[in-house]
């Protein structure tokens, strides 16, 4: 992997549940890691459901391998939030990974 292509800074967050003051469970997001990545937009589409317009785009981020990243996490890039759809260990060697994401606008 060429370091020059990793020019974007991303943050991967994981969900955290804590106990609230009234005994309820409060969900929030906590930073799992910050790293450099390349950004490749893949698709963009708009749909109309229940009298509302929805825009959705998919993207792929390439970065150095980070163990523990799962589809239950989310990715923050340039102030935008992406849901992680899948994580691929390129060539299965633990050096590079691709993160497929979906952004709902």
N, C-alpha and C. Protein backbone atom coordinates (compact mmCIF):
# COMPACT_ATOMS: atom_id res chain seq x y z
N UNK A 1 0.84 -1.17 0.00
CA UNK A 1 0.00 0.00 0.00
C UNK A 1 0.89 1.23 0.00
N UNK A 2 0.58 2.14 -0.90
CA UNK A 2 1.37 3.37 -1.02
C UNK A 2 0.86 4.42 -0.02
N UNK A 3 1.75 4.94 0.78
CA UNK A 3 1.37 5.88 1.83
C UNK A 3 0.81 7.18 1.26
N UNK A 4 1.22 7.57 0.06
CA UNK A 4 0.75 8.82 -0.54
C UNK A 4 -0.73 8.83 -0.82
N UNK A 5 -1.33 7.67 -0.99
CA UNK A 5 -2.78 7.59 -1.25
C UNK A 5 -3.61 7.74 0.02
N UNK A 6 -3.00 7.59 1.17
CA UNK A 6 -3.72 7.68 2.45
C UNK A 6 -3.74 9.13 2.92
N UNK A 7 -4.42 9.97 2.17
CA UNK A 7 -4.38 11.41 2.47
C UNK A 7 -5.58 11.93 3.25
N UNK A 8 -6.54 11.05 3.54
CA UNK A 8 -7.73 11.47 4.28
C UNK A 8 -7.68 10.91 5.70
N UNK A 9 -8.12 11.73 6.65
CA UNK A 9 -8.16 11.28 8.04
C UNK A 9 -9.57 10.78 8.36
N UNK A 10 -9.67 9.57 8.90
CA UNK A 10 -10.97 9.01 9.27
C UNK A 10 -10.96 8.64 10.75
N UNK A 11 -12.14 8.53 11.29
CA UNK A 11 -12.30 8.09 12.68
C UNK A 11 -13.31 6.95 12.67
N UNK A 12 -12.97 5.86 13.30
CA UNK A 12 -13.89 4.72 13.43
C UNK A 12 -14.39 4.71 14.86
N UNK A 13 -15.72 4.65 14.99
CA UNK A 13 -16.34 4.70 16.32
C UNK A 13 -17.10 3.40 16.58
N UNK A 14 -17.18 3.03 17.85
CA UNK A 14 -17.92 1.84 18.25
C UNK A 14 -19.06 2.23 19.18
N UNK A 15 -20.16 1.46 19.16
CA UNK A 15 -21.27 1.79 20.05
C UNK A 15 -20.96 1.38 21.49
N UNK A 16 -21.39 2.21 22.42
CA UNK A 16 -21.17 1.96 23.84
C UNK A 16 -22.50 2.17 24.56
N UNK A 17 -22.85 1.24 25.43
CA UNK A 17 -24.06 1.37 26.23
C UNK A 17 -23.67 1.55 27.69
N UNK A 18 -24.24 2.57 28.32
CA UNK A 18 -23.98 2.83 29.73
C UNK A 18 -25.31 2.92 30.47
N UNK A 19 -25.26 2.78 31.77
CA UNK A 19 -26.46 2.90 32.59
C UNK A 19 -26.75 4.37 32.86
N UNK A 20 -28.00 4.76 32.63
CA UNK A 20 -28.41 6.13 32.89
C UNK A 20 -28.74 6.34 34.35
N UNK A 21 -29.07 7.57 34.70
CA UNK A 21 -29.34 7.90 36.10
C UNK A 21 -30.63 7.27 36.61
N UNK A 22 -31.57 6.99 35.72
CA UNK A 22 -32.86 6.41 36.13
C UNK A 22 -32.90 4.91 35.87
N UNK A 23 -31.75 4.28 35.68
CA UNK A 23 -31.70 2.84 35.45
C UNK A 23 -31.89 2.44 34.00
N UNK A 24 -32.02 3.40 33.12
CA UNK A 24 -32.18 3.09 31.70
C UNK A 24 -30.80 2.93 31.04
N UNK A 25 -30.80 2.34 29.86
CA UNK A 25 -29.57 2.15 29.10
C UNK A 25 -29.44 3.29 28.10
N UNK A 26 -28.28 3.95 28.10
CA UNK A 26 -28.01 5.08 27.21
C UNK A 26 -26.97 4.64 26.19
N UNK A 27 -27.31 4.79 24.90
CA UNK A 27 -26.38 4.43 23.83
C UNK A 27 -25.63 5.65 23.34
N UNK A 28 -24.34 5.50 23.11
CA UNK A 28 -23.53 6.58 22.57
C UNK A 28 -22.40 5.97 21.73
N UNK A 29 -21.56 6.82 21.13
CA UNK A 29 -20.46 6.38 20.30
C UNK A 29 -19.14 6.79 20.92
N UNK A 30 -18.16 5.90 20.85
CA UNK A 30 -16.83 6.15 21.41
C UNK A 30 -15.79 5.90 20.32
N UNK A 31 -14.75 6.72 20.28
CA UNK A 31 -13.70 6.56 19.27
C UNK A 31 -12.97 5.24 19.49
N UNK A 32 -12.93 4.43 18.44
CA UNK A 32 -12.19 3.17 18.46
C UNK A 32 -10.76 3.40 17.95
N UNK A 33 -10.63 4.12 16.83
CA UNK A 33 -9.32 4.45 16.29
C UNK A 33 -9.44 5.61 15.30
N UNK A 34 -8.34 6.30 15.09
CA UNK A 34 -8.21 7.31 14.05
C UNK A 34 -7.06 6.89 13.16
N UNK A 35 -7.24 7.00 11.85
CA UNK A 35 -6.17 6.59 10.94
C UNK A 35 -6.30 7.33 9.62
N UNK A 36 -5.35 7.09 8.74
CA UNK A 36 -5.33 7.69 7.41
C UNK A 36 -5.89 6.68 6.42
N UNK A 37 -6.60 7.16 5.40
CA UNK A 37 -7.23 6.26 4.43
C UNK A 37 -7.38 6.94 3.09
N UNK A 38 -7.61 6.13 2.07
CA UNK A 38 -8.01 6.67 0.77
C UNK A 38 -9.52 6.55 0.67
N UNK A 39 -10.14 7.46 -0.05
CA UNK A 39 -11.60 7.52 -0.16
C UNK A 39 -11.97 7.32 -1.62
N UNK A 40 -12.88 6.36 -1.87
CA UNK A 40 -13.33 6.08 -3.22
C UNK A 40 -14.86 6.01 -3.23
N UNK A 41 -15.54 7.05 -3.74
CA UNK A 41 -16.99 6.97 -3.84
C UNK A 41 -17.39 5.90 -4.85
N UNK A 42 -18.46 5.15 -4.57
CA UNK A 42 -18.88 4.05 -5.44
C UNK A 42 -20.21 4.33 -6.13
N UNK A 43 -21.28 4.53 -5.38
CA UNK A 43 -22.59 4.76 -5.97
C UNK A 43 -23.33 5.85 -5.22
N UNK A 44 -24.30 6.42 -5.89
CA UNK A 44 -25.19 7.41 -5.27
C UNK A 44 -26.57 7.23 -5.89
N UNK A 45 -27.60 7.26 -5.05
CA UNK A 45 -28.96 7.11 -5.56
C UNK A 45 -29.93 7.85 -4.66
N UNK A 46 -31.06 8.19 -5.25
CA UNK A 46 -32.12 8.84 -4.50
C UNK A 46 -33.38 7.99 -4.63
N UNK A 47 -34.13 7.88 -3.54
CA UNK A 47 -35.39 7.14 -3.56
C UNK A 47 -36.49 7.99 -2.94
N UNK A 48 -37.71 7.62 -3.25
CA UNK A 48 -38.87 8.33 -2.73
C UNK A 48 -39.73 7.31 -2.00
N UNK A 49 -39.83 7.45 -0.66
CA UNK A 49 -40.61 6.54 0.15
C UNK A 49 -41.42 7.33 1.16
N UNK A 50 -42.65 6.94 1.33
CA UNK A 50 -43.53 7.55 2.33
C UNK A 50 -43.51 9.07 2.25
N UNK A 51 -43.63 9.60 1.04
CA UNK A 51 -43.69 11.04 0.78
C UNK A 51 -42.43 11.78 1.20
N UNK A 52 -41.29 11.08 1.22
CA UNK A 52 -40.03 11.72 1.57
C UNK A 52 -38.95 11.27 0.59
N UNK A 53 -38.03 12.19 0.28
CA UNK A 53 -36.89 11.86 -0.56
C UNK A 53 -35.74 11.40 0.32
N UNK A 54 -35.07 10.32 -0.09
CA UNK A 54 -33.90 9.81 0.61
C UNK A 54 -32.74 9.73 -0.36
N UNK A 55 -31.60 10.25 0.07
CA UNK A 55 -30.38 10.14 -0.73
C UNK A 55 -29.46 9.16 -0.02
N UNK A 56 -28.82 8.31 -0.80
CA UNK A 56 -27.92 7.32 -0.22
C UNK A 56 -26.69 7.20 -1.11
N UNK A 57 -25.54 7.14 -0.51
CA UNK A 57 -24.32 6.95 -1.28
C UNK A 57 -23.47 5.88 -0.61
N UNK A 58 -22.70 5.17 -1.42
CA UNK A 58 -21.81 4.15 -0.92
C UNK A 58 -20.38 4.52 -1.27
N UNK A 59 -19.47 4.15 -0.40
CA UNK A 59 -18.06 4.48 -0.61
C UNK A 59 -17.19 3.37 -0.05
N UNK A 60 -15.94 3.36 -0.52
CA UNK A 60 -14.98 2.40 0.00
C UNK A 60 -13.77 3.18 0.52
N UNK A 61 -13.31 2.80 1.69
CA UNK A 61 -12.12 3.39 2.29
C UNK A 61 -11.05 2.30 2.36
N UNK A 62 -9.85 2.62 1.94
CA UNK A 62 -8.71 1.70 2.05
C UNK A 62 -7.76 2.27 3.09
N UNK A 63 -7.30 1.39 3.98
CA UNK A 63 -6.41 1.82 5.04
C UNK A 63 -5.52 0.66 5.47
N UNK A 64 -4.56 0.95 6.30
CA UNK A 64 -3.76 -0.13 6.88
C UNK A 64 -4.65 -0.96 7.81
N UNK A 65 -4.34 -2.20 7.97
CA UNK A 65 -5.17 -3.12 8.74
C UNK A 65 -5.25 -2.71 10.20
N UNK A 66 -6.46 -2.69 10.72
CA UNK A 66 -6.71 -2.41 12.14
C UNK A 66 -7.56 -3.57 12.66
N UNK A 67 -7.03 -4.41 13.54
CA UNK A 67 -7.83 -5.53 14.04
C UNK A 67 -9.00 -5.05 14.89
N UNK A 68 -10.13 -5.74 14.76
CA UNK A 68 -11.28 -5.44 15.59
C UNK A 68 -12.36 -4.58 14.95
N UNK A 69 -12.15 -4.09 13.73
CA UNK A 69 -13.17 -3.28 13.06
C UNK A 69 -14.28 -4.20 12.56
N UNK A 70 -15.53 -3.88 12.90
CA UNK A 70 -16.68 -4.71 12.52
C UNK A 70 -17.78 -3.86 11.90
N UNK A 71 -18.76 -4.51 11.24
CA UNK A 71 -19.89 -3.76 10.68
C UNK A 71 -20.81 -3.12 11.72
N UNK A 72 -20.63 -3.42 13.00
CA UNK A 72 -21.43 -2.77 14.05
C UNK A 72 -20.94 -1.36 14.34
N UNK A 73 -19.79 -1.00 13.78
CA UNK A 73 -19.19 0.31 14.02
C UNK A 73 -19.60 1.29 12.93
N UNK A 74 -19.18 2.54 13.09
CA UNK A 74 -19.42 3.55 12.06
C UNK A 74 -18.14 4.32 11.80
N UNK A 75 -18.11 5.04 10.68
CA UNK A 75 -16.92 5.75 10.25
C UNK A 75 -17.27 7.22 10.06
N UNK A 76 -16.42 8.10 10.54
CA UNK A 76 -16.59 9.54 10.38
C UNK A 76 -15.52 10.05 9.43
N UNK A 77 -15.95 10.72 8.36
CA UNK A 77 -15.01 11.26 7.37
C UNK A 77 -15.51 12.63 6.94
N UNK A 78 -14.68 13.63 7.10
CA UNK A 78 -14.98 14.99 6.64
C UNK A 78 -16.32 15.49 7.19
N UNK A 79 -16.61 15.18 8.44
CA UNK A 79 -17.86 15.61 9.07
C UNK A 79 -19.08 14.81 8.66
N UNK A 80 -18.90 13.77 7.87
CA UNK A 80 -19.99 12.92 7.40
C UNK A 80 -19.93 11.57 8.12
N UNK A 81 -21.09 10.97 8.37
CA UNK A 81 -21.17 9.71 9.08
C UNK A 81 -21.54 8.59 8.12
N UNK A 82 -20.76 7.52 8.14
CA UNK A 82 -20.98 6.36 7.28
C UNK A 82 -21.22 5.13 8.15
N UNK A 83 -22.23 4.33 7.79
CA UNK A 83 -22.44 3.03 8.42
C UNK A 83 -21.53 2.03 7.73
N UNK A 84 -20.83 1.20 8.49
CA UNK A 84 -19.94 0.21 7.90
C UNK A 84 -20.75 -1.01 7.48
N UNK A 85 -20.65 -1.37 6.20
CA UNK A 85 -21.36 -2.53 5.67
C UNK A 85 -20.51 -3.79 5.73
N UNK A 86 -19.21 -3.65 5.53
CA UNK A 86 -18.33 -4.80 5.54
C UNK A 86 -16.87 -4.39 5.61
N UNK A 87 -16.05 -5.29 6.13
CA UNK A 87 -14.62 -5.05 6.27
C UNK A 87 -13.90 -6.23 5.61
N UNK A 88 -12.97 -5.93 4.70
CA UNK A 88 -12.25 -6.96 3.97
C UNK A 88 -10.76 -6.84 4.27
N UNK A 89 -10.16 -7.95 4.71
CA UNK A 89 -8.71 -8.03 4.89
C UNK A 89 -8.13 -8.39 3.52
N UNK A 90 -7.54 -7.42 2.83
CA UNK A 90 -7.05 -7.61 1.47
C UNK A 90 -5.94 -8.66 1.49
N UNK A 91 -6.08 -9.66 0.67
CA UNK A 91 -5.12 -10.77 0.53
C UNK A 91 -4.98 -11.61 1.81
N UNK A 92 -5.74 -11.32 2.85
CA UNK A 92 -5.71 -12.11 4.09
C UNK A 92 -4.39 -12.08 4.83
N UNK A 93 -3.63 -11.01 4.66
CA UNK A 93 -2.31 -10.93 5.27
C UNK A 93 -2.23 -9.97 6.46
N UNK A 94 -3.33 -9.30 6.78
CA UNK A 94 -3.33 -8.40 7.93
C UNK A 94 -2.52 -7.14 7.72
N UNK A 95 -2.42 -6.67 6.49
CA UNK A 95 -1.66 -5.45 6.21
C UNK A 95 -2.53 -4.32 5.69
N UNK A 96 -3.56 -4.65 4.94
CA UNK A 96 -4.42 -3.64 4.31
C UNK A 96 -5.86 -4.09 4.43
N UNK A 97 -6.76 -3.12 4.62
CA UNK A 97 -8.18 -3.49 4.65
C UNK A 97 -9.01 -2.49 3.85
N UNK A 98 -10.13 -3.00 3.37
CA UNK A 98 -11.11 -2.18 2.66
C UNK A 98 -12.36 -2.13 3.54
N UNK A 99 -12.89 -0.94 3.70
CA UNK A 99 -14.10 -0.76 4.50
C UNK A 99 -15.19 -0.25 3.56
N UNK A 100 -16.22 -1.07 3.34
CA UNK A 100 -17.35 -0.68 2.52
C UNK A 100 -18.37 0.03 3.42
N UNK A 101 -18.83 1.21 2.98
CA UNK A 101 -19.69 2.04 3.83
C UNK A 101 -20.90 2.56 3.08
N UNK A 102 -21.91 2.96 3.84
CA UNK A 102 -23.12 3.56 3.31
C UNK A 102 -23.39 4.83 4.09
N UNK A 103 -23.69 5.91 3.36
CA UNK A 103 -24.03 7.17 4.00
C UNK A 103 -25.48 7.49 3.68
N UNK A 104 -26.27 7.74 4.70
CA UNK A 104 -27.66 8.17 4.51
C UNK A 104 -27.72 9.67 4.72
N UNK A 105 -28.25 10.36 3.74
CA UNK A 105 -28.31 11.83 3.81
C UNK A 105 -29.74 12.26 4.06
